[in-house]
């Protein structure tokens, strides 16, 4: 484990050791009373290391852009030239930020519902579209096309978000109308660098799989299970570490649930906590290490985020604003 992280396993082990010392003392007749924590030299007691903030010293939120007539802004991602692009799900629009202004570059007038987006090369965005499936958008020609409309002939529930694996593939979520009781949400994997895409079902039975990201080593998928207010961890298609099963990685309190998620190079997870007006940060063991409140002028609908060039970017669709704040972390996504 990284030395900058709290070594909780050692901490718990240390507490167990203290209990064991007390028992040994009683058996040996060294004391007529059980030993207590006060009988142990404070220097020998396990100490939790201070967790440094992911925020840069003196960091504060900055407004990046405001979207006029905005609907549900999502899908923050950067092109190779450093331009910030994003999606308006409800309006069926694709935007980019130019000189602090949100510029509409594609408007499908609500005929499509693009949601998540990632650049797979210099000019092509792979897009999870709620109504049409996996789509592509060519920033050079302006063409928006359906690439994968279904899974083996069965319509998707309604796609949401995606993450690239750096190996020519992408994991994506398919929640549709799944909920806490109707657990029909799925996670799929597709090789986007192949002419004939072959889809693989990674996991089903999820209560609204929303955001998705990948551990820096590519072994685990993290999924925001929106309608249980939790994050789940699932072995990836590339998993090689032995037997493993999906499990609840972390739980949130308050708000509605986790929306967009991302990971930094140290394996910490950043969560856009919808209706809680915050970003939560969890270490790679699932312990919450930071709670970052959204700007005062934001509403409670923080729904997407990404890390790029020393900044954490968020979008908040209640105010139709995109913000950023300086961080010490680097992105762990491919």
C-alpha atoms as a PDB file:
ATOM      1  CA  UNK A   1       0.000   0.000   0.000  1.00  0.00           C
ATOM      2  CA  UNK A   2       1.186   3.544  -0.784  1.00  0.00           C
ATOM      3  CA  UNK A   3       2.924   5.105   2.229  1.00  0.00           C
ATOM      4  CA  UNK A   4       0.772   8.238   1.912  1.00  0.00           C
ATOM      5  CA  UNK A   5      -2.392   6.229   2.548  1.00  0.00           C
ATOM      6  CA  UNK A   6      -3.926   5.279   5.855  1.00  0.00           C
ATOM      7  CA  UNK A   7      -2.891   1.696   6.518  1.00  0.00           C
ATOM      8  CA  UNK A   8      -6.200   0.582   7.987  1.00  0.00           C
ATOM      9  CA  UNK A   9      -5.343  -3.100   7.898  1.00  0.00           C
ATOM     10  CA  UNK A  10      -2.313  -2.448  10.108  1.00  0.00           C
ATOM     11  CA  UNK A  11      -4.427  -0.224  12.335  1.00  0.00           C
ATOM     12  CA  UNK A  12      -7.036  -2.946  12.932  1.00  0.00           C
ATOM     13  CA  UNK A  13      -4.327  -5.553  13.347  1.00  0.00           C
ATOM     14  CA  UNK A  14      -2.725  -3.331  15.959  1.00  0.00           C
ATOM     15  CA  UNK A  15      -5.947  -3.091  17.937  1.00  0.00           C
ATOM     16  CA  UNK A  16      -6.251  -6.867  17.875  1.00  0.00           C
ATOM     17  CA  UNK A  17      -2.709  -7.167  19.135  1.00  0.00           C
ATOM     18  CA  UNK A  18      -3.505  -4.942  22.108  1.00  0.00           C
ATOM     19  CA  UNK A  19      -6.396  -7.242  23.023  1.00  0.00           C
ATOM     20  CA  UNK A  20      -4.099 -10.229  22.702  1.00  0.00           C
ATOM     21  CA  UNK A  21      -1.545  -8.641  25.038  1.00  0.00           C
ATOM     22  CA  UNK A  22      -4.243  -8.138  27.660  1.00  0.00           C
ATOM     23  CA  UNK A  23      -5.272 -11.795  27.476  1.00  0.00           C
ATOM     24  CA  UNK A  24      -1.664 -13.008  27.745  1.00  0.00           C
ATOM     25  CA  UNK A  25      -1.098 -10.845  30.800  1.00  0.00           C
ATOM     26  CA  UNK A  26      -4.085 -12.373  32.586  1.00  0.00           C
ATOM     27  CA  UNK A  27      -3.067 -15.940  31.716  1.00  0.00           C
ATOM     28  CA  UNK A  28       0.489 -15.396  32.942  1.00  0.00           C
ATOM     29  CA  UNK A  29      -0.748 -13.874  36.204  1.00  0.00           C
ATOM     30  CA  UNK A  30       1.148 -10.672  35.510  1.00  0.00           C
ATOM     31  CA  UNK A  31      -1.834  -8.599  36.611  1.00  0.00           C
ATOM     32  CA  UNK A  32      -5.028  -9.165  38.517  1.00  0.00           C
ATOM     33  CA  UNK A  33      -6.786  -6.698  36.137  1.00  0.00           C
ATOM     34  CA  UNK A  34      -7.054  -6.894  32.368  1.00  0.00           C
ATOM     35  CA  UNK A  35      -4.588  -4.665  30.563  1.00  0.00           C
ATOM     36  CA  UNK A  36      -6.082  -1.591  28.913  1.00  0.00           C
ATOM     37  CA  UNK A  37      -4.992   0.721  26.126  1.00  0.00           C
ATOM     38  CA  UNK A  38      -3.667   3.077  28.802  1.00  0.00           C
ATOM     39  CA  UNK A  39      -1.194   0.390  29.934  1.00  0.00           C
ATOM     40  CA  UNK A  40       0.444   0.346  26.505  1.00  0.00           C
ATOM     41  CA  UNK A  41       3.203   2.791  25.670  1.00  0.00           C
ATOM     42  CA  UNK A  42       1.563   5.462  23.451  1.00  0.00           C
ATOM     43  CA  UNK A  43       4.564   5.273  21.134  1.00  0.00           C
ATOM     44  CA  UNK A  44       3.723   1.627  20.445  1.00  0.00           C
ATOM     45  CA  UNK A  45       0.040   2.220  19.715  1.00  0.00           C
ATOM     46  CA  UNK A  46      -0.869   2.115  16.010  1.00  0.00           C
ATOM     47  CA  UNK A  47      -1.337   5.594  14.616  1.00  0.00           C
ATOM     48  CA  UNK A  48      -3.441   6.502  11.565  1.00  0.00           C
ATOM     49  CA  UNK A  49      -1.370   8.558   9.167  1.00  0.00           C
ATOM     50  CA  UNK A  50      -2.706  11.953   8.148  1.00  0.00           C
ATOM     51  CA  UNK A  51      -4.306  11.841   4.705  1.00  0.00           C
ATOM     52  CA  UNK A  52      -3.179  14.730   2.488  1.00  0.00           C
ATOM     53  CA  UNK A  53      -5.872  16.597   0.592  1.00  0.00           C
ATOM     54  CA  UNK A  54      -6.226  15.967  -3.123  1.00  0.00           C
ATOM     55  CA  UNK A  55      -6.790  19.705  -3.528  1.00  0.00           C
ATOM     56  CA  UNK A  56      -3.855  21.977  -4.289  1.00  0.00           C
ATOM     57  CA  UNK A  57      -2.946  24.414  -1.539  1.00  0.00           C
ATOM     58  CA  UNK A  58      -5.224  27.447  -1.600  1.00  0.00           C
ATOM     59  CA  UNK A  59      -7.385  25.980  -4.373  1.00  0.00           C
ATOM     60  CA  UNK A  60     -10.857  27.401  -5.024  1.00  0.00           C
ATOM     61  CA  UNK A  61     -13.520  26.788  -7.644  1.00  0.00           C
ATOM     62  CA  UNK A  62     -13.383  28.652 -10.965  1.00  0.00           C
ATOM     63  CA  UNK A  63     -16.201  28.996 -13.488  1.00  0.00           C
ATOM     64  CA  UNK A  64     -15.136  27.425 -16.787  1.00  0.00           C
ATOM     65  CA  UNK A  65     -18.288  28.004 -18.823  1.00  0.00           C
ATOM     66  CA  UNK A  66     -22.020  28.616 -18.558  1.00  0.00           C
ATOM     67  CA  UNK A  67     -24.435  26.927 -20.956  1.00  0.00           C
ATOM     68  CA  UNK A  68     -27.249  29.141 -22.187  1.00  0.00           C
ATOM     69  CA  UNK A  69     -30.534  27.255 -22.558  1.00  0.00           C
ATOM     70  CA  UNK A  70     -28.848  24.205 -21.047  1.00  0.00           C
ATOM     71  CA  UNK A  71     -30.664  20.961 -20.356  1.00  0.00           C
ATOM     72  CA  UNK A  72     -28.826  18.053 -18.744  1.00  0.00           C
ATOM     73  CA  UNK A  73     -25.109  18.650 -19.299  1.00  0.00           C
ATOM     74  CA  UNK A  74     -22.909  15.548 -19.061  1.00  0.00           C
ATOM     75  CA  UNK A  75     -20.012  13.769 -20.747  1.00  0.00           C
ATOM     76  CA  UNK A  76     -17.017  15.972 -19.917  1.00  0.00           C
ATOM     77  CA  UNK A  77     -13.953  14.927 -21.927  1.00  0.00           C
ATOM     78  CA  UNK A  78     -10.914  16.469 -23.585  1.00  0.00           C
ATOM     79  CA  UNK A  79      -9.712  16.124 -27.153  1.00  0.00           C
ATOM     80  CA  UNK A  80      -6.029  15.605 -27.920  1.00  0.00           C
ATOM     81  CA  UNK A  81      -5.531  19.347 -28.479  1.00  0.00           C
ATOM     82  CA  UNK A  82      -6.746  20.106 -24.947  1.00  0.00           C
ATOM     83  CA  UNK A  83     -10.230  21.348 -25.863  1.00  0.00           C
ATOM     84  CA  UNK A  84     -13.006  20.565 -23.365  1.00  0.00           C
ATOM     85  CA  UNK A  85     -16.087  18.926 -24.919  1.00  0.00           C
ATOM     86  CA  UNK A  86     -19.362  17.966 -23.274  1.00  0.00           C
ATOM     87  CA  UNK A  87     -22.898  16.762 -23.963  1.00  0.00           C
ATOM     88  CA  UNK A  88     -26.424  18.042 -23.406  1.00  0.00           C
ATOM     89  CA  UNK A  89     -28.457  14.855 -23.048  1.00  0.00           C
ATOM     90  CA  UNK A  90     -31.980  16.253 -23.199  1.00  0.00           C
ATOM     91  CA  UNK A  91     -31.338  18.709 -26.035  1.00  0.00           C
ATOM     92  CA  UNK A  92     -29.306  16.184 -28.073  1.00  0.00           C
ATOM     93  CA  UNK A  93     -26.385  18.612 -28.401  1.00  0.00           C
ATOM     94  CA  UNK A  94     -22.617  18.381 -28.409  1.00  0.00           C
ATOM     95  CA  UNK A  95     -20.660  21.395 -27.162  1.00  0.00           C
ATOM     96  CA  UNK A  96     -17.065  22.493 -26.779  1.00  0.00           C
ATOM     97  CA  UNK A  97     -15.578  25.306 -24.701  1.00  0.00           C
ATOM     98  CA  UNK A  98     -13.887  28.076 -26.705  1.00  0.00           C
ATOM     99  CA  UNK A  99     -12.423  31.085 -24.853  1.00  0.00           C
ATOM    100  CA  UNK A 100     -14.673  30.482 -21.848  1.00  0.00           C
ATOM    101  CA  UNK A 101     -17.830  30.131 -23.932  1.00  0.00           C
ATOM    102  CA  UNK A 102     -19.895  26.980 -24.526  1.00  0.00           C
ATOM    103  CA  UNK A 103     -20.207  26.592 -28.303  1.00  0.00           C
ATOM    104  CA  UNK A 104     -22.758  24.208 -29.855  1.00  0.00           C
ATOM    105  CA  UNK A 105     -21.113  22.136 -32.595  1.00  0.00           C
ATOM    106  CA  UNK A 106     -23.875  19.564 -33.118  1.00  0.00           C
ATOM    107  CA  UNK A 107     -27.621  19.866 -32.517  1.00  0.00           C
ATOM    108  CA  UNK A 108     -29.803  16.864 -33.237  1.00  0.00           C
ATOM    109  CA  UNK A 109     -32.860  18.681 -31.878  1.00  0.00           C
ATOM    110  CA  UNK A 110     -33.629  15.953 -29.377  1.00  0.00           C
ATOM    111  CA  UNK A 111     -33.728  13.152 -31.967  1.00  0.00           C
ATOM    112  CA  UNK A 112     -30.846  11.439 -30.195  1.00  0.00           C
ATOM    113  CA  UNK A 113     -29.841  11.391 -26.530  1.00  0.00           C
ATOM    114  CA  UNK A 114     -26.030  11.376 -26.291  1.00  0.00           C
ATOM    115  CA  UNK A 115     -24.863  10.917 -22.702  1.00  0.00           C
ATOM    116  CA  UNK A 116     -21.309   9.702 -22.087  1.00  0.00           C
ATOM    117  CA  UNK A 117     -18.471  10.543 -24.483  1.00  0.00           C
ATOM    118  CA  UNK A 118     -14.765   9.729 -24.903  1.00  0.00           C
ATOM    119  CA  UNK A 119     -12.318  10.590 -27.668  1.00  0.00           C
ATOM    120  CA  UNK A 120     -10.895   7.405 -29.214  1.00  0.00           C
ATOM    121  CA  UNK A 121      -8.624   9.296 -31.623  1.00  0.00           C
ATOM    122  CA  UNK A 122      -7.940  12.871 -32.675  1.00  0.00           C
ATOM    123  CA  UNK A 123     -11.351  13.485 -34.236  1.00  0.00           C
ATOM    124  CA  UNK A 124     -13.713  10.677 -33.164  1.00  0.00           C
ATOM    125  CA  UNK A 125     -15.859  10.566 -30.055  1.00  0.00           C
ATOM    126  CA  UNK A 126     -17.371   7.271 -28.937  1.00  0.00           C
ATOM    127  CA  UNK A 127     -20.765   8.131 -27.431  1.00  0.00           C
ATOM    128  CA  UNK A 128     -23.227   6.212 -25.278  1.00  0.00           C
ATOM    129  CA  UNK A 129     -26.632   7.310 -26.562  1.00  0.00           C
ATOM    130  CA  UNK A 130     -29.708   6.586 -24.439  1.00  0.00           C
ATOM    131  CA  UNK A 131     -32.009   6.110 -27.421  1.00  0.00           C
ATOM    132  CA  UNK A 132     -29.736   4.783 -30.202  1.00  0.00           C
ATOM    133  CA  UNK A 133     -26.978   2.710 -28.589  1.00  0.00           C
ATOM    134  CA  UNK A 134     -23.242   3.159 -29.150  1.00  0.00           C
ATOM    135  CA  UNK A 135     -22.633   6.020 -31.555  1.00  0.00           C
ATOM    136  CA  UNK A 136     -19.730   7.911 -33.068  1.00  0.00           C
ATOM    137  CA  UNK A 137     -19.293  11.598 -33.712  1.00  0.00           C
ATOM    138  CA  UNK A 138     -16.689  12.895 -36.161  1.00  0.00           C
ATOM    139  CA  UNK A 139     -15.598  16.352 -35.039  1.00  0.00           C
ATOM    140  CA  UNK A 140     -14.066  17.021 -38.454  1.00  0.00           C
ATOM    141  CA  UNK A 141     -17.095  16.230 -40.632  1.00  0.00           C
ATOM    142  CA  UNK A 142     -19.858  16.723 -38.054  1.00  0.00           C
ATOM    143  CA  UNK A 143     -21.289  13.273 -38.802  1.00  0.00           C
ATOM    144  CA  UNK A 144     -23.191  11.581 -35.954  1.00  0.00           C
ATOM    145  CA  UNK A 145     -23.698   7.871 -36.674  1.00  0.00           C
ATOM    146  CA  UNK A 146     -25.057   4.795 -34.917  1.00  0.00           C
ATOM    147  CA  UNK A 147     -22.340   2.156 -34.534  1.00  0.00           C
ATOM    148  CA  UNK A 148     -23.761  -0.590 -32.262  1.00  0.00           C
ATOM    149  CA  UNK A 149     -27.563  -0.383 -31.852  1.00  0.00           C
ATOM    150  CA  UNK A 150     -28.126  -3.523 -29.741  1.00  0.00           C
ATOM    151  CA  UNK A 151     -26.593  -6.524 -27.970  1.00  0.00           C
ATOM    152  CA  UNK A 152     -26.853  -9.633 -30.155  1.00  0.00           C
ATOM    153  CA  UNK A 153     -30.133  -8.393 -31.578  1.00  0.00           C
ATOM    154  CA  UNK A 154     -31.638  -7.380 -28.235  1.00  0.00           C
ATOM    155  CA  UNK A 155     -32.166  -3.623 -27.761  1.00  0.00           C
ATOM    156  CA  UNK A 156     -30.170  -1.957 -25.031  1.00  0.00           C
ATOM    157  CA  UNK A 157     -32.028  -0.673 -21.981  1.00  0.00           C
ATOM    158  CA  UNK A 158     -30.692   2.837 -22.602  1.00  0.00           C
ATOM    159  CA  UNK A 159     -26.959   3.560 -22.400  1.00  0.00           C
ATOM    160  CA  UNK A 160     -25.355   6.000 -19.981  1.00  0.00           C
ATOM    161  CA  UNK A 161     -21.569   6.229 -19.578  1.00  0.00           C
ATOM    162  CA  UNK A 162     -18.286   4.678 -20.706  1.00  0.00           C
ATOM    163  CA  UNK A 163     -14.579   4.373 -19.961  1.00  0.00           C
ATOM    164  CA  UNK A 164     -11.699   3.393 -22.260  1.00  0.00           C
ATOM    165  CA  UNK A 165      -9.216   0.674 -21.304  1.00  0.00           C
ATOM    166  CA  UNK A 166      -6.252   1.927 -23.348  1.00  0.00           C
ATOM    167  CA  UNK A 167      -6.217  -1.373 -25.253  1.00  0.00           C
ATOM    168  CA  UNK A 168      -8.681  -0.473 -27.994  1.00  0.00           C
ATOM    169  CA  UNK A 169     -11.725  -1.298 -25.892  1.00  0.00           C
ATOM    170  CA  UNK A 170     -14.421   0.401 -23.825  1.00  0.00           C
ATOM    171  CA  UNK A 171     -16.648  -0.582 -20.916  1.00  0.00           C
ATOM    172  CA  UNK A 172     -20.083   1.027 -20.868  1.00  0.00           C
ATOM    173  CA  UNK A 173     -23.177   1.081 -18.675  1.00  0.00           C
ATOM    174  CA  UNK A 174     -26.740   0.291 -19.743  1.00  0.00           C
ATOM    175  CA  UNK A 175     -29.215   1.273 -17.009  1.00  0.00           C
ATOM    176  CA  UNK A 176     -32.358   2.146 -18.976  1.00  0.00           C
ATOM    177  CA  UNK A 177     -35.260   2.210 -16.498  1.00  0.00           C
ATOM    178  CA  UNK A 178     -33.630  -0.072 -13.940  1.00  0.00           C
ATOM    179  CA  UNK A 179     -34.111   0.853 -10.296  1.00  0.00           C
ATOM    180  CA  UNK A 180     -33.693  -0.465  -6.748  1.00  0.00           C
ATOM    181  CA  UNK A 181     -36.282  -3.237  -7.260  1.00  0.00           C
ATOM    182  CA  UNK A 182     -35.957  -3.663 -11.033  1.00  0.00           C
ATOM    183  CA  UNK A 183     -32.293  -4.628 -11.306  1.00  0.00           C
ATOM    184  CA  UNK A 184     -31.919  -5.043 -15.046  1.00  0.00           C
ATOM    185  CA  UNK A 185     -28.916  -2.744 -15.552  1.00  0.00           C
ATOM    186  CA  UNK A 186     -25.845  -4.113 -17.343  1.00  0.00           C
ATOM    187  CA  UNK A 187     -22.185  -3.407 -18.054  1.00  0.00           C
ATOM    188  CA  UNK A 188     -20.717  -4.347 -21.443  1.00  0.00           C
ATOM    189  CA  UNK A 189     -17.306  -4.373 -23.089  1.00  0.00           C
ATOM    190  CA  UNK A 190     -16.579  -3.673 -26.757  1.00  0.00           C
ATOM    191  CA  UNK A 191     -13.440  -3.437 -28.875  1.00  0.00           C
ATOM    192  CA  UNK A 192     -13.858  -0.156 -30.726  1.00  0.00           C
ATOM    193  CA  UNK A 193     -10.751  -0.671 -32.892  1.00  0.00           C
ATOM    194  CA  UNK A 194     -12.320  -3.617 -34.730  1.00  0.00           C
ATOM    195  CA  UNK A 195     -14.375  -3.349 -37.929  1.00  0.00           C
ATOM    196  CA  UNK A 196     -16.956  -5.830 -36.630  1.00  0.00           C
ATOM    197  CA  UNK A 197     -17.539  -5.034 -32.945  1.00  0.00           C
ATOM    198  CA  UNK A 198     -17.957  -8.035 -30.662  1.00  0.00           C
ATOM    199  CA  UNK A 199     -19.761  -7.176 -27.437  1.00  0.00           C
ATOM    200  CA  UNK A 200     -19.188  -8.963 -24.156  1.00  0.00           C
ATOM    201  CA  UNK A 201     -21.647  -8.843 -21.247  1.00  0.00           C
ATOM    202  CA  UNK A 202     -19.552  -8.194 -18.139  1.00  0.00           C
ATOM    203  CA  UNK A 203     -22.270  -7.941 -15.483  1.00  0.00           C
ATOM    204  CA  UNK A 204     -26.045  -7.773 -15.246  1.00  0.00           C
ATOM    205  CA  UNK A 205     -28.526  -7.404 -12.361  1.00  0.00           C
ATOM    206  CA  UNK A 206     -27.422  -3.874 -11.419  1.00  0.00           C
ATOM    207  CA  UNK A 207     -29.718  -1.251  -9.854  1.00  0.00           C
ATOM    208  CA  UNK A 208     -29.092   1.538 -12.366  1.00  0.00           C
ATOM    209  CA  UNK A 209     -25.409   1.402 -13.387  1.00  0.00           C
ATOM    210  CA  UNK A 210     -24.514   5.042 -13.945  1.00  0.00           C
ATOM    211  CA  UNK A 211     -20.915   6.287 -14.091  1.00  0.00           C
ATOM    212  CA  UNK A 212     -18.060   3.879 -14.757  1.00  0.00           C
ATOM    213  CA  UNK A 213     -14.281   3.949 -14.482  1.00  0.00           C
ATOM    214  CA  UNK A 214     -11.345   1.544 -14.431  1.00  0.00           C
ATOM    215  CA  UNK A 215      -8.560   0.970 -11.914  1.00  0.00           C
ATOM    216  CA  UNK A 216      -5.201   2.287 -13.187  1.00  0.00           C
ATOM    217  CA  UNK A 217      -3.901  -1.276 -13.645  1.00  0.00           C
ATOM    218  CA  UNK A 218      -6.987  -2.230 -15.658  1.00  0.00           C
ATOM    219  CA  UNK A 219      -7.918  -5.130 -13.374  1.00  0.00           C
ATOM    220  CA  UNK A 220     -11.139  -3.753 -11.875  1.00  0.00           C
ATOM    221  CA  UNK A 221     -14.181  -1.856 -13.094  1.00  0.00           C
ATOM    222  CA  UNK A 222     -15.864   0.578 -10.708  1.00  0.00           C
ATOM    223  CA  UNK A 223     -19.559   1.223 -11.333  1.00  0.00           C
ATOM    224  CA  UNK A 224     -21.764   3.864  -9.730  1.00  0.00           C
ATOM    225  CA  UNK A 225     -24.868   1.930  -8.688  1.00  0.00           C
ATOM    226  CA  UNK A 226     -27.089   4.973  -8.612  1.00  0.00           C
ATOM    227  CA  UNK A 227     -30.194   3.540  -6.971  1.00  0.00           C
ATOM    228  CA  UNK A 228     -28.372   1.950  -4.034  1.00  0.00           C
ATOM    229  CA  UNK A 229     -26.201   5.055  -3.388  1.00  0.00           C
ATOM    230  CA  UNK A 230     -23.092   2.897  -3.650  1.00  0.00           C
ATOM    231  CA  UNK A 231     -20.096   1.960  -5.767  1.00  0.00           C
ATOM    232  CA  UNK A 232     -19.530  -1.620  -6.860  1.00  0.00           C
ATOM    233  CA  UNK A 233     -16.248  -3.203  -7.910  1.00  0.00           C
ATOM    234  CA  UNK A 234     -16.252  -5.815 -10.693  1.00  0.00           C
ATOM    235  CA  UNK A 235     -13.325  -7.806 -12.155  1.00  0.00           C
ATOM    236  CA  UNK A 236     -12.612  -6.487 -15.638  1.00  0.00           C
ATOM    237  CA  UNK A 237     -12.381  -8.479 -18.864  1.00  0.00           C
ATOM    238  CA  UNK A 238      -8.596  -8.305 -18.439  1.00  0.00           C
ATOM    239  CA  UNK A 239      -8.580  -9.540 -14.827  1.00  0.00           C
ATOM    240  CA  UNK A 240      -5.618 -11.877 -14.135  1.00  0.00           C
ATOM    241  CA  UNK A 241      -5.155 -11.844 -10.353  1.00  0.00           C
ATOM    242  CA  UNK A 242      -7.028 -15.065  -9.524  1.00  0.00           C
ATOM    243  CA  UNK A 243     -10.574 -15.654  -8.380  1.00  0.00           C
ATOM    244  CA  UNK A 244     -12.623 -12.568  -7.555  1.00  0.00           C
ATOM    245  CA  UNK A 245     -16.292 -11.657  -7.328  1.00  0.00           C
ATOM    246  CA  UNK A 246     -18.131  -8.323  -7.602  1.00  0.00           C
ATOM    247  CA  UNK A 247     -18.668  -6.537  -4.299  1.00  0.00           C
ATOM    248  CA  UNK A 248     -19.823  -3.252  -2.778  1.00  0.00           C
ATOM    249  CA  UNK A 249     -16.751  -1.028  -2.808  1.00  0.00           C
ATOM    250  CA  UNK A 250     -18.144   2.006  -0.957  1.00  0.00           C
ATOM    251  CA  UNK A 251     -21.421   3.517   0.234  1.00  0.00           C
ATOM    252  CA  UNK A 252     -22.558   7.112   0.325  1.00  0.00           C
ATOM    253  CA  UNK A 253     -24.891   8.911   2.692  1.00  0.00           C
ATOM    254  CA  UNK A 254     -27.455  11.526   1.731  1.00  0.00           C
ATOM    255  CA  UNK A 255     -28.164  12.757  -1.767  1.00  0.00           C
ATOM    256  CA  UNK A 256     -29.667  10.455  -4.384  1.00  0.00           C
ATOM    257  CA  UNK A 257     -26.719   8.478  -5.670  1.00  0.00           C
ATOM    258  CA  UNK A 258     -23.362   8.468  -7.440  1.00  0.00           C
ATOM    259  CA  UNK A 259     -23.422   9.723 -11.018  1.00  0.00           C
ATOM    260  CA  UNK A 260     -20.197  10.278 -12.940  1.00  0.00           C
ATOM    261  CA  UNK A 261     -16.999   8.776 -11.491  1.00  0.00           C
ATOM    262  CA  UNK A 262     -13.318   8.908 -12.352  1.00  0.00           C
ATOM    263  CA  UNK A 263     -10.031   7.634 -10.937  1.00  0.00           C
ATOM    264  CA  UNK A 264      -6.657   9.256 -10.370  1.00  0.00           C
ATOM    265  CA  UNK A 265      -3.229   7.738 -10.949  1.00  0.00           C
ATOM    266  CA  UNK A 266      -3.011   6.636  -7.283  1.00  0.00           C
ATOM    267  CA  UNK A 267      -6.256   4.665  -7.578  1.00  0.00           C
ATOM    268  CA  UNK A 268      -8.457   7.124  -5.658  1.00  0.00           C
ATOM    269  CA  UNK A 269     -12.053   7.363  -6.885  1.00  0.00           C
ATOM    270  CA  UNK A 270     -13.831  10.685  -7.406  1.00  0.00           C
ATOM    271  CA  UNK A 271     -17.634  10.626  -7.314  1.00  0.00           C
ATOM    272  CA  UNK A 272     -20.139  13.211  -8.544  1.00  0.00           C
ATOM    273  CA  UNK A 273     -22.773  12.780  -5.812  1.00  0.00           C
ATOM    274  CA  UNK A 274     -26.062  13.817  -7.357  1.00  0.00           C
ATOM    275  CA  UNK A 275     -28.443  15.909  -5.227  1.00  0.00           C
ATOM    276  CA  UNK A 276     -25.761  16.240  -2.536  1.00  0.00           C
ATOM    277  CA  UNK A 277     -23.861  19.161  -4.135  1.00  0.00           C
ATOM    278  CA  UNK A 278     -20.492  17.502  -3.628  1.00  0.00           C
ATOM    279  CA  UNK A 279     -17.659  15.394  -4.942  1.00  0.00           C
ATOM    280  CA  UNK A 280     -16.617  12.500  -2.723  1.00  0.00           C
ATOM    281  CA  UNK A 281     -13.150  10.954  -2.867  1.00  0.00           C
ATOM    282  CA  UNK A 282     -12.482   7.338  -1.829  1.00  0.00           C
ATOM    283  CA  UNK A 283      -9.093   5.671  -1.537  1.00  0.00           C
ATOM    284  CA  UNK A 284      -8.401   2.408  -3.340  1.00  0.00           C
ATOM    285  CA  UNK A 285      -9.575   0.434  -0.306  1.00  0.00           C
ATOM    286  CA  UNK A 286     -13.016   2.076  -0.399  1.00  0.00           C
ATOM    287  CA  UNK A 287     -12.555   4.475   2.527  1.00  0.00           C
ATOM    288  CA  UNK A 288     -13.794   8.040   2.086  1.00  0.00           C
ATOM    289  CA  UNK A 289     -10.851  10.419   2.341  1.00  0.00           C
ATOM    290  CA  UNK A 290     -12.350  13.724   1.213  1.00  0.00           C
ATOM    291  CA  UNK A 291     -15.634  15.553   0.694  1.00  0.00           C
ATOM    292  CA  UNK A 292     -15.416  18.510  -1.677  1.00  0.00           C
ATOM    293  CA  UNK A 293     -18.411  20.840  -1.632  1.00  0.00           C
ATOM    294  CA  UNK A 294     -19.479  22.307  -4.969  1.00  0.00           C
ATOM    295  CA  UNK A 295     -19.348  26.110  -5.427  1.00  0.00           C
ATOM    296  CA  UNK A 296     -21.895  28.178  -3.526  1.00  0.00           C
ATOM    297  CA  UNK A 297     -23.624  29.352  -6.699  1.00  0.00           C
ATOM    298  CA  UNK A 298     -24.045  25.780  -7.964  1.00  0.00           C
ATOM    299  CA  UNK A 299     -27.236  23.815  -7.511  1.00  0.00           C
ATOM    300  CA  UNK A 300     -27.311  20.276  -6.028  1.00  0.00           C
ATOM    301  CA  UNK A 301     -27.027  18.391  -9.340  1.00  0.00           C
ATOM    302  CA  UNK A 302     -23.310  17.626  -9.698  1.00  0.00           C
ATOM    303  CA  UNK A 303     -23.466  14.857 -12.292  1.00  0.00           C
ATOM    304  CA  UNK A 304     -20.154  14.468 -14.119  1.00  0.00           C
ATOM    305  CA  UNK A 305     -16.451  15.064 -13.619  1.00  0.00           C
ATOM    306  CA  UNK A 306     -12.961  14.472 -14.981  1.00  0.00           C
ATOM    307  CA  UNK A 307      -9.334  15.240 -14.115  1.00  0.00           C
ATOM    308  CA  UNK A 308      -7.171  17.051 -16.665  1.00  0.00           C
ATOM    309  CA  UNK A 309      -3.852  18.913 -16.438  1.00  0.00           C
ATOM    310  CA  UNK A 310      -3.928  19.600 -12.696  1.00  0.00           C
ATOM    311  CA  UNK A 311      -7.640  20.377 -12.400  1.00  0.00           C
ATOM    312  CA  UNK A 312     -10.771  18.538 -11.349  1.00  0.00           C
ATOM    313  CA  UNK A 313     -13.635  19.556 -13.649  1.00  0.00           C
ATOM    314  CA  UNK A 314     -17.312  19.145 -12.749  1.00  0.00           C
ATOM    315  CA  UNK A 315     -20.590  19.966 -14.438  1.00  0.00           C
ATOM    316  CA  UNK A 316     -23.750  20.836 -12.534  1.00  0.00           C
ATOM    317  CA  UNK A 317     -26.909  20.857 -14.597  1.00  0.00           C
ATOM    318  CA  UNK A 318     -29.093  22.820 -12.182  1.00  0.00           C
ATOM    319  CA  UNK A 319     -27.081  25.965 -12.875  1.00  0.00           C
ATOM    320  CA  UNK A 320     -25.864  24.775 -16.322  1.00  0.00           C
ATOM    321  CA  UNK A 321     -22.324  25.549 -15.209  1.00  0.00           C
ATOM    322  CA  UNK A 322     -18.965  23.843 -15.596  1.00  0.00           C
ATOM    323  CA  UNK A 323     -16.387  24.492 -12.869  1.00  0.00           C
ATOM    324  CA  UNK A 324     -12.827  23.460 -12.091  1.00  0.00           C
ATOM    325  CA  UNK A 325     -10.555  23.366  -9.043  1.00  0.00           C
ATOM    326  CA  UNK A 326      -6.808  22.745  -8.818  1.00  0.00           C
ATOM    327  CA  UNK A 327      -5.759  19.295  -7.548  1.00  0.00           C
ATOM    328  CA  UNK A 328      -2.496  17.517  -6.882  1.00  0.00           C
ATOM    329  CA  UNK A 329      -3.695  14.360  -8.627  1.00  0.00           C
ATOM    330  CA  UNK A 330      -3.237  13.167 -12.189  1.00  0.00           C
ATOM    331  CA  UNK A 331      -5.870  11.218 -14.061  1.00  0.00           C
ATOM    332  CA  UNK A 332      -5.688   7.437 -13.903  1.00  0.00           C
ATOM    333  CA  UNK A 333      -7.921   6.943 -16.959  1.00  0.00           C
ATOM    334  CA  UNK A 334      -6.516   5.971 -20.343  1.00  0.00           C
END
